[in-house]
Amino acid sequence: MSGGTLARMALAILVAFAGLYIAAHAEFELSGDKVGLLVTLGGVLYAYWLVKAHFDAKDRE
């Protein structure tokens, strides 16, 4: 993987952990635990997409 892809993967991991933190420490009425879990899911799905794109590019070579 290139450096840019690894940086985006690290960012996705940080977003996922931030979502878990929000879900665990939510103190607002807008269903903070659900917002945090959605952020976590978004980070995980983005990381999965990056890995998929990497292996698809390898298969095309």
PDB file of N, CA and C in Angstrom:
ATOM      1  N   MET A   1       0.843  -1.181   0.000  1.00  0.00           N
ATOM      2  CA  MET A   1       0.000   0.000   0.000  1.00  0.00           C
ATOM      3  C   MET A   1       0.881   1.234   0.000  1.00  0.00           C
ATOM      4  N   SER A   2       0.401   2.254  -0.644  1.00  0.00           N
ATOM      5  CA  SER A   2       1.164   3.492  -0.705  1.00  0.00           C
ATOM      6  C   SER A   2       1.023   4.272   0.604  1.00  0.00           C
ATOM      7  N   GLY A   3       1.847   5.276   0.747  1.00  0.00           N
ATOM      8  CA  GLY A   3       1.814   6.085   1.961  1.00  0.00           C
ATOM      9  C   GLY A   3       0.498   6.817   2.152  1.00  0.00           C
ATOM     10  N   GLY A   4      -0.089   7.283   1.052  1.00  0.00           N
ATOM     11  CA  GLY A   4      -1.373   7.981   1.140  1.00  0.00           C
ATOM     12  C   GLY A   4      -2.488   7.059   1.603  1.00  0.00           C
ATOM     13  N   THR A   5      -2.458   5.828   1.105  1.00  0.00           N
ATOM     14  CA  THR A   5      -3.471   4.857   1.516  1.00  0.00           C
ATOM     15  C   THR A   5      -3.321   4.510   2.990  1.00  0.00           C
ATOM     16  N   LEU A   6      -2.082   4.358   3.437  1.00  0.00           N
ATOM     17  CA  LEU A   6      -1.857   4.059   4.855  1.00  0.00           C
ATOM     18  C   LEU A   6      -2.296   5.218   5.738  1.00  0.00           C
ATOM     19  N   ALA A   7      -2.087   6.444   5.279  1.00  0.00           N
ATOM     20  CA  ALA A   7      -2.523   7.613   6.046  1.00  0.00           C
ATOM     21  C   ALA A   7      -4.045   7.649   6.143  1.00  0.00           C
ATOM     22  N   ARG A   8      -4.727   7.340   5.027  1.00  0.00           N
ATOM     23  CA  ARG A   8      -6.191   7.310   5.060  1.00  0.00           C
ATOM     24  C   ARG A   8      -6.695   6.180   5.947  1.00  0.00           C
ATOM     25  N   MET A   9      -5.977   5.046   5.965  1.00  0.00           N
ATOM     26  CA  MET A   9      -6.357   3.929   6.830  1.00  0.00           C
ATOM     27  C   MET A   9      -6.211   4.339   8.300  1.00  0.00           C
ATOM     28  N   ALA A  10      -5.128   5.025   8.624  1.00  0.00           N
ATOM     29  CA  ALA A  10      -4.931   5.499   9.999  1.00  0.00           C
ATOM     30  C   ALA A  10      -6.023   6.477  10.391  1.00  0.00           C
ATOM     31  N   LEU A  11      -6.405   7.356   9.466  1.00  0.00           N
ATOM     32  CA  LEU A  11      -7.484   8.305   9.740  1.00  0.00           C
ATOM     33  C   LEU A  11      -8.802   7.569   9.968  1.00  0.00           C
ATOM     34  N   ALA A  12      -9.069   6.534   9.171  1.00  0.00           N
ATOM     35  CA  ALA A  12     -10.296   5.754   9.347  1.00  0.00           C
ATOM     36  C   ALA A  12     -10.313   5.069  10.709  1.00  0.00           C
ATOM     37  N   ILE A  13      -9.167   4.585  11.148  1.00  0.00           N
ATOM     38  CA  ILE A  13      -9.083   3.943  12.467  1.00  0.00           C
ATOM     39  C   ILE A  13      -9.335   4.967  13.565  1.00  0.00           C
ATOM     40  N   LEU A  14      -8.768   6.161  13.418  1.00  0.00           N
ATOM     41  CA  LEU A  14      -9.005   7.215  14.407  1.00  0.00           C
ATOM     42  C   LEU A  14     -10.475   7.615  14.454  1.00  0.00           C
ATOM     43  N   VAL A  15     -11.116   7.689  13.286  1.00  0.00           N
ATOM     44  CA  VAL A  15     -12.542   8.015  13.240  1.00  0.00           C
ATOM     45  C   VAL A  15     -13.350   6.929  13.935  1.00  0.00           C
ATOM     46  N   ALA A  16     -12.978   5.672  13.700  1.00  0.00           N
ATOM     47  CA  ALA A  16     -13.693   4.566  14.340  1.00  0.00           C
ATOM     48  C   ALA A  16     -13.548   4.638  15.861  1.00  0.00           C
ATOM     49  N   PHE A  17     -12.341   4.902  16.340  1.00  0.00           N
ATOM     50  CA  PHE A  17     -12.154   5.017  17.789  1.00  0.00           C
ATOM     51  C   PHE A  17     -12.879   6.233  18.361  1.00  0.00           C
ATOM     52  N   ALA A  18     -12.910   7.321  17.606  1.00  0.00           N
ATOM     53  CA  ALA A  18     -13.658   8.497  18.064  1.00  0.00           C
ATOM     54  C   ALA A  18     -15.139   8.167  18.177  1.00  0.00           C
ATOM     55  N   GLY A  19     -15.654   7.394  17.239  1.00  0.00           N
ATOM     56  CA  GLY A  19     -17.048   6.976  17.310  1.00  0.00           C
ATOM     57  C   GLY A  19     -17.329   6.116  18.521  1.00  0.00           C
ATOM     58  N   LEU A  20     -16.403   5.218  18.840  1.00  0.00           N
ATOM     59  CA  LEU A  20     -16.578   4.401  20.042  1.00  0.00           C
ATOM     60  C   LEU A  20     -16.547   5.260  21.297  1.00  0.00           C
ATOM     61  N   TYR A  21     -15.678   6.269  21.302  1.00  0.00           N
ATOM     62  CA  TYR A  21     -15.614   7.172  22.450  1.00  0.00           C
ATOM     63  C   TYR A  21     -16.919   7.946  22.596  1.00  0.00           C
ATOM     64  N   ILE A  22     -17.435   8.437  21.478  1.00  0.00           N
ATOM     65  CA  ILE A  22     -18.710   9.159  21.517  1.00  0.00           C
ATOM     66  C   ILE A  22     -19.820   8.256  22.033  1.00  0.00           C
ATOM     67  N   ALA A  23     -19.840   7.013  21.540  1.00  0.00           N
ATOM     68  CA  ALA A  23     -20.888   6.073  21.963  1.00  0.00           C
ATOM     69  C   ALA A  23     -20.797   5.776  23.457  1.00  0.00           C
ATOM     70  N   ALA A  24     -19.583   5.704  23.985  1.00  0.00           N
ATOM     71  CA  ALA A  24     -19.416   5.359  25.398  1.00  0.00           C
ATOM     72  C   ALA A  24     -19.674   6.537  26.326  1.00  0.00           C
ATOM     73  N   HIS A  25     -19.396   7.749  25.864  1.00  0.00           N
ATOM     74  CA  HIS A  25     -19.481   8.913  26.749  1.00  0.00           C
ATOM     75  C   HIS A  25     -20.535   9.926  26.313  1.00  0.00           C
ATOM     76  N   ALA A  26     -21.518   9.501  25.571  1.00  0.00           N
ATOM     77  CA  ALA A  26     -22.527  10.423  25.062  1.00  0.00           C
ATOM     78  C   ALA A  26     -23.390  10.934  26.204  1.00  0.00           C
ATOM     79  N   GLU A  27     -23.471  12.251  26.301  1.00  0.00           N
ATOM     80  CA  GLU A  27     -24.297  12.867  27.329  1.00  0.00           C
ATOM     81  C   GLU A  27     -25.283  13.856  26.724  1.00  0.00           C
ATOM     82  N   PHE A  28     -25.592  13.705  25.450  1.00  0.00           N
ATOM     83  CA  PHE A  28     -26.584  14.583  24.846  1.00  0.00           C
ATOM     84  C   PHE A  28     -27.804  13.756  24.467  1.00  0.00           C
ATOM     85  N   GLU A  29     -28.909  14.419  24.317  1.00  0.00           N
ATOM     86  CA  GLU A  29     -30.186  13.728  24.177  1.00  0.00           C
ATOM     87  C   GLU A  29     -30.444  13.173  22.784  1.00  0.00           C
ATOM     88  N   LEU A  30     -29.637  13.530  21.827  1.00  0.00           N
ATOM     89  CA  LEU A  30     -29.879  13.114  20.455  1.00  0.00           C
ATOM     90  C   LEU A  30     -29.352  11.698  20.212  1.00  0.00           C
ATOM     91  N   SER A  31     -29.559  10.835  21.180  1.00  0.00           N
ATOM     92  CA  SER A  31     -29.182   9.440  21.013  1.00  0.00           C
ATOM     93  C   SER A  31     -27.710   9.324  20.628  1.00  0.00           C
ATOM     94  N   GLY A  32     -26.858   9.825  21.492  1.00  0.00           N
ATOM     95  CA  GLY A  32     -25.422   9.875  21.224  1.00  0.00           C
ATOM     96  C   GLY A  32     -24.786   8.530  21.011  1.00  0.00           C
ATOM     97  N   ASP A  33     -25.315   7.506  21.667  1.00  0.00           N
ATOM     98  CA  ASP A  33     -24.723   6.191  21.469  1.00  0.00           C
ATOM     99  C   ASP A  33     -24.919   5.713  20.034  1.00  0.00           C
ATOM    100  N   LYS A  34     -26.056   6.015  19.452  1.00  0.00           N
ATOM    101  CA  LYS A  34     -26.306   5.609  18.066  1.00  0.00           C
ATOM    102  C   LYS A  34     -25.453   6.423  17.099  1.00  0.00           C
ATOM    103  N   VAL A  35     -25.276   7.700  17.372  1.00  0.00           N
ATOM    104  CA  VAL A  35     -24.421   8.534  16.530  1.00  0.00           C
ATOM    105  C   VAL A  35     -22.991   8.004  16.575  1.00  0.00           C
ATOM    106  N   GLY A  36     -22.506   7.690  17.755  1.00  0.00           N
ATOM    107  CA  GLY A  36     -21.147   7.158  17.891  1.00  0.00           C
ATOM    108  C   GLY A  36     -20.968   5.837  17.179  1.00  0.00           C
ATOM    109  N   LEU A  37     -21.955   4.972  17.281  1.00  0.00           N
ATOM    110  CA  LEU A  37     -21.850   3.680  16.600  1.00  0.00           C
ATOM    111  C   LEU A  37     -21.907   3.847  15.083  1.00  0.00           C
ATOM    112  N   LEU A  38     -22.684   4.815  14.589  1.00  0.00           N
ATOM    113  CA  LEU A  38     -22.704   5.072  13.148  1.00  0.00           C
ATOM    114  C   LEU A  38     -21.364   5.613  12.662  1.00  0.00           C
ATOM    115  N   VAL A  39     -20.740   6.469  13.450  1.00  0.00           N
ATOM    116  CA  VAL A  39     -19.412   6.987  13.093  1.00  0.00           C
ATOM    117  C   VAL A  39     -18.410   5.839  13.055  1.00  0.00           C
ATOM    118  N   THR A  40     -18.481   4.948  14.040  1.00  0.00           N
ATOM    119  CA  THR A  40     -17.597   3.788  14.076  1.00  0.00           C
ATOM    120  C   THR A  40     -17.814   2.908  12.845  1.00  0.00           C
ATOM    121  N   LEU A  41     -19.065   2.648  12.528  1.00  0.00           N
ATOM    122  CA  LEU A  41     -19.382   1.836  11.365  1.00  0.00           C
ATOM    123  C   LEU A  41     -18.844   2.484  10.086  1.00  0.00           C
ATOM    124  N   GLY A  42     -18.985   3.796   9.978  1.00  0.00           N
ATOM    125  CA  GLY A  42     -18.456   4.505   8.815  1.00  0.00           C
ATOM    126  C   GLY A  42     -16.948   4.360   8.694  1.00  0.00           C
ATOM    127  N   GLY A  43     -16.242   4.480   9.809  1.00  0.00           N
ATOM    128  CA  GLY A  43     -14.786   4.323   9.792  1.00  0.00           C
ATOM    129  C   GLY A  43     -14.360   2.923   9.400  1.00  0.00           C
ATOM    130  N   VAL A  44     -15.041   1.932   9.918  1.00  0.00           N
ATOM    131  CA  VAL A  44     -14.709   0.535   9.604  1.00  0.00           C
ATOM    132  C   VAL A  44     -15.011   0.235   8.133  1.00  0.00           C
ATOM    133  N   LEU A  45     -16.157   0.695   7.646  1.00  0.00           N
ATOM    134  CA  LEU A  45     -16.501   0.446   6.244  1.00  0.00           C
ATOM    135  C   LEU A  45     -15.534   1.157   5.291  1.00  0.00           C
ATOM    136  N   TYR A  46     -15.098   2.349   5.663  1.00  0.00           N
ATOM    137  CA  TYR A  46     -14.135   3.062   4.830  1.00  0.00           C
ATOM    138  C   TYR A  46     -12.803   2.312   4.799  1.00  0.00           C
ATOM    139  N   ALA A  47     -12.359   1.798   5.942  1.00  0.00           N
ATOM    140  CA  ALA A  47     -11.120   1.015   5.981  1.00  0.00           C
ATOM    141  C   ALA A  47     -11.268  -0.247   5.128  1.00  0.00           C
ATOM    142  N   TYR A  48     -12.417  -0.908   5.203  1.00  0.00           N
ATOM    143  CA  TYR A  48     -12.662  -2.082   4.372  1.00  0.00           C
ATOM    144  C   TYR A  48     -12.598  -1.710   2.897  1.00  0.00           C
ATOM    145  N   TRP A  49     -13.183  -0.578   2.526  1.00  0.00           N
ATOM    146  CA  TRP A  49     -13.166  -0.139   1.142  1.00  0.00           C
ATOM    147  C   TRP A  49     -11.736   0.121   0.667  1.00  0.00           C
ATOM    148  N   LEU A  50     -10.897   0.707   1.537  1.00  0.00           N
ATOM    149  CA  LEU A  50      -9.500   0.957   1.161  1.00  0.00           C
ATOM    150  C   LEU A  50      -8.761  -0.349   0.896  1.00  0.00           C
ATOM    151  N   VAL A  51      -8.965  -1.341   1.751  1.00  0.00           N
ATOM    152  CA  VAL A  51      -8.302  -2.636   1.567  1.00  0.00           C
ATOM    153  C   VAL A  51      -8.807  -3.302   0.284  1.00  0.00           C
ATOM    154  N   LYS A  52     -10.112  -3.245   0.054  1.00  0.00           N
ATOM    155  CA  LYS A  52     -10.691  -3.831  -1.160  1.00  0.00           C
ATOM    156  C   LYS A  52     -10.119  -3.171  -2.407  1.00  0.00           C
ATOM    157  N   ALA A  53     -10.042  -1.847  -2.408  1.00  0.00           N
ATOM    158  CA  ALA A  53      -9.503  -1.127  -3.562  1.00  0.00           C
ATOM    159  C   ALA A  53      -8.043  -1.505  -3.798  1.00  0.00           C
ATOM    160  N   HIS A  54      -7.281  -1.699  -2.731  1.00  0.00           N
ATOM    161  CA  HIS A  54      -5.879  -2.092  -2.857  1.00  0.00           C
ATOM    162  C   HIS A  54      -5.763  -3.443  -3.539  1.00  0.00           C
ATOM    163  N   PHE A  55      -6.541  -4.414  -3.086  1.00  0.00           N
ATOM    164  CA  PHE A  55      -6.427  -5.759  -3.664  1.00  0.00           C
ATOM    165  C   PHE A  55      -7.020  -5.821  -5.060  1.00  0.00           C
ATOM    166  N   ASP A  56      -8.036  -5.023  -5.355  1.00  0.00           N
ATOM    167  CA  ASP A  56      -8.564  -4.958  -6.719  1.00  0.00           C
ATOM    168  C   ASP A  56      -7.506  -4.396  -7.671  1.00  0.00           C
ATOM    169  N   ALA A  57      -6.766  -3.387  -7.207  1.00  0.00           N
ATOM    170  CA  ALA A  57      -5.701  -2.818  -8.038  1.00  0.00           C
ATOM    171  C   ALA A  57      -4.588  -3.846  -8.260  1.00  0.00           C
ATOM    172  N   LYS A  58      -4.283  -4.633  -7.254  1.00  0.00           N
ATOM    173  CA  LYS A  58      -3.252  -5.684  -7.393  1.00  0.00           C
ATOM    174  C   LYS A  58      -3.688  -6.726  -8.410  1.00  0.00           C
ATOM    175  N   ASP A  59      -4.993  -7.076  -8.405  1.00  0.00           N
ATOM    176  CA  ASP A  59      -5.503  -8.084  -9.344  1.00  0.00           C
ATOM    177  C   ASP A  59      -5.435  -7.585 -10.782  1.00  0.00           C
ATOM    178  N   ARG A  60      -5.564  -6.289 -11.002  1.00  0.00           N
ATOM    179  CA  ARG A  60      -5.528  -5.728 -12.353  1.00  0.00           C
ATOM    180  C   ARG A  60      -4.114  -5.685 -12.919  1.00  0.00           C
ATOM    181  N   GLU A  61      -3.107  -5.780 -12.067  1.00  0.00           N
ATOM    182  CA  GLU A  61      -1.704  -5.712 -12.535  1.00  0.00           C
ATOM    183  C   GLU A  61      -1.280  -6.985 -13.206  1.00  0.00           C
TER     184      GLU A  61
END
